[in-house]
Protein backbone atom coordinates (compact mmCIF):
# COMPACT_ATOMS: atom_id res chain seq x y z
CA MET A 1 76.54 46.12 -9.38
CA GLY A 2 76.10 48.48 -12.29
CA ASN A 3 73.73 51.37 -12.48
CA LEU A 4 70.51 50.11 -10.93
CA PHE A 5 68.54 53.33 -11.12
CA LEU A 6 70.65 55.50 -13.40
CA LYS A 7 69.78 55.05 -17.05
CA GLU A 8 72.75 55.95 -19.20
CA ARG A 9 72.03 58.11 -22.21
CA GLU A 10 73.78 57.31 -25.43
CA SER A 11 75.77 60.01 -27.20
CA TRP A 12 74.69 59.21 -30.73
CA TRP A 13 76.85 61.92 -32.29
CA VAL A 14 79.97 60.07 -31.20
CA TRP A 15 78.75 56.85 -32.80
CA CYS A 16 77.73 58.72 -35.96
CA ILE A 17 81.24 60.17 -36.16
CA TRP A 18 82.68 56.65 -35.84
CA GLY A 19 80.33 55.59 -38.63
CA VAL A 20 81.52 58.45 -40.84
CA VAL A 21 85.15 57.48 -40.14
CA GLY A 22 84.29 53.94 -41.20
CA CYS A 23 82.49 55.30 -44.26
CA VAL A 24 85.53 57.30 -45.33
CA LEU A 25 87.88 54.35 -44.77
CA SER A 26 85.53 52.00 -46.60
CA GLY A 27 85.31 54.42 -49.51
CA TYR A 28 89.09 54.72 -49.61
CA VAL A 29 89.51 50.93 -49.68
CA LEU A 30 86.85 50.66 -52.38
CA VAL A 31 88.46 53.31 -54.57
CA SER A 32 91.98 51.98 -54.15
CA THR A 33 91.21 48.27 -54.64
CA LYS A 34 88.05 48.34 -56.82
CA GLN A 35 86.84 45.17 -55.06
CA GLN A 36 83.54 45.24 -53.21
CA HIS A 37 84.28 42.40 -50.83
CA LEU A 38 87.39 44.14 -49.48
CA ALA A 39 85.36 47.27 -48.74
CA PHE A 40 83.32 45.27 -46.21
CA VAL A 41 86.44 44.49 -44.20
CA VAL A 42 86.50 48.04 -42.80
CA PRO A 43 82.99 47.95 -41.21
CA SER A 44 83.71 44.46 -39.89
CA LEU A 45 87.00 45.46 -38.28
CA LEU A 46 85.48 48.67 -36.93
CA SER A 47 82.67 46.63 -35.35
CA VAL A 48 85.21 44.25 -33.81
CA PHE A 49 87.27 47.12 -32.38
CA ILE A 50 84.17 48.76 -30.89
CA THR A 51 83.14 45.37 -29.49
CA VAL A 52 86.49 44.97 -27.76
CA TRP A 53 86.13 48.44 -26.23
CA MET A 54 82.55 47.72 -25.13
CA SER A 55 83.60 44.45 -23.57
CA TYR A 56 86.45 46.19 -21.76
CA SER A 57 84.22 48.97 -20.41
CA LYS A 58 81.51 46.50 -19.25
CA ARG A 59 78.70 49.04 -19.37
CA PHE A 60 76.71 47.93 -22.42
CA GLU A 61 73.86 45.47 -22.31
CA PHE A 62 73.00 43.46 -25.42
CA PHE A 63 70.36 45.69 -27.05
CA ARG A 64 72.30 48.88 -26.41
CA ALA A 65 75.45 47.38 -27.92
CA PHE A 66 73.43 46.01 -30.85
CA LYS A 67 71.92 49.42 -31.66
CA VAL A 68 75.30 51.13 -31.51
CA LEU A 69 77.06 48.50 -33.61
CA LEU A 70 74.28 48.41 -36.19
CA LEU A 71 74.36 52.20 -36.56
CA VAL A 72 78.15 52.33 -36.97
CA ALA A 73 78.25 49.40 -39.38
CA ALA A 74 75.32 50.70 -41.45
CA ILE A 75 76.91 54.11 -41.91
CA SER A 76 80.24 52.46 -42.70
CA CYS A 77 78.69 50.30 -45.44
CA VAL A 78 77.19 53.21 -47.42
CA PRO A 79 79.99 53.44 -50.05
CA SER A 80 79.94 49.70 -50.61
CA LEU A 81 76.16 49.60 -50.97
CA ALA A 82 76.30 52.56 -53.34
CA ASP A 83 78.88 50.72 -55.43
CA ILE A 84 76.61 47.68 -55.56
CA PHE A 85 73.62 49.71 -56.77
CA LEU A 86 75.43 51.94 -59.28
CA PRO A 87 75.10 49.60 -62.28
CA LEU A 88 71.32 49.82 -62.59
CA ASN A 89 71.16 47.44 -65.54
CA GLU A 90 70.95 44.35 -63.29
CA LEU A 91 68.70 45.52 -60.48
CA ALA A 92 67.71 42.03 -59.30
CA VAL A 93 71.34 40.97 -58.87
CA SER A 94 72.17 44.23 -57.10
CA ALA A 95 69.22 43.85 -54.74
CA PHE A 96 70.23 40.27 -53.95
CA LYS A 97 73.81 41.35 -53.19
CA ALA A 98 72.57 44.19 -51.00
CA VAL A 99 70.28 41.86 -49.05
CA LEU A 100 73.18 39.45 -48.50
CA VAL A 101 75.34 42.31 -47.26
CA LEU A 102 72.63 43.53 -44.87
CA VAL A 103 72.02 40.00 -43.53
CA PHE A 104 75.76 39.58 -42.97
CA LEU A 105 75.82 42.98 -41.26
CA VAL A 106 72.99 42.07 -38.87
CA ILE A 107 74.59 38.69 -38.05
CA LEU A 108 77.91 40.40 -37.38
CA CYS A 109 76.25 42.98 -35.12
CA VAL A 110 74.35 40.29 -33.19
CA VAL A 111 77.52 38.28 -32.57
CA CYS A 112 79.52 41.37 -31.62
CA ALA A 113 76.77 42.65 -29.31
CA TRP A 114 76.58 39.25 -27.64
CA LEU A 115 80.34 39.37 -27.05
CA ALA A 116 80.24 42.99 -25.84
CA LYS A 117 77.41 42.62 -23.35
CA ARG A 118 78.11 43.16 -19.72
CA PRO A 119 78.37 39.95 -17.66
CA LYS A 120 75.55 38.96 -15.35
CA GLN A 121 76.08 40.12 -11.81
CA TYR A 122 75.34 37.90 -8.91
CA TYR A 123 74.52 39.54 -5.60
C-alpha cells in the first residue's frame, strides 16, 4: 500500500553525486570525440538507468522522479552546454542550440518519470 503517512525525504547529495558522475563522463566523451551530439548520450543513458532503478524500486511518484531526473540530467549536461556557449561569436545560434537541448532534456525527464512512477494501488 505504500507509505500512507510517512513522507520520504530525498537525499539530494546522492543525486548530485550521480549528476557529477554524469558530468565527468559527458566531459570525457566530449573531449575524446569532439562531437556535441555524442556528449548528450551520457545524460540520456544515465537518466534511463536511473529510471529502470526507480521503476524496480516502486517508491517514486511522478513529480519526485521528475525532480530527481531533471537534477541529474541538468548537472550531467553542463560540459555540453559549456561547449555550445564557448564560441561567443554566434550567440543567437548558441542560444537556439541550448534551448533545443533543454527542451529535449525536459521531454526526456517527463517520459522517464512517467515510466518510473509507482503503479496505482487498488485497495
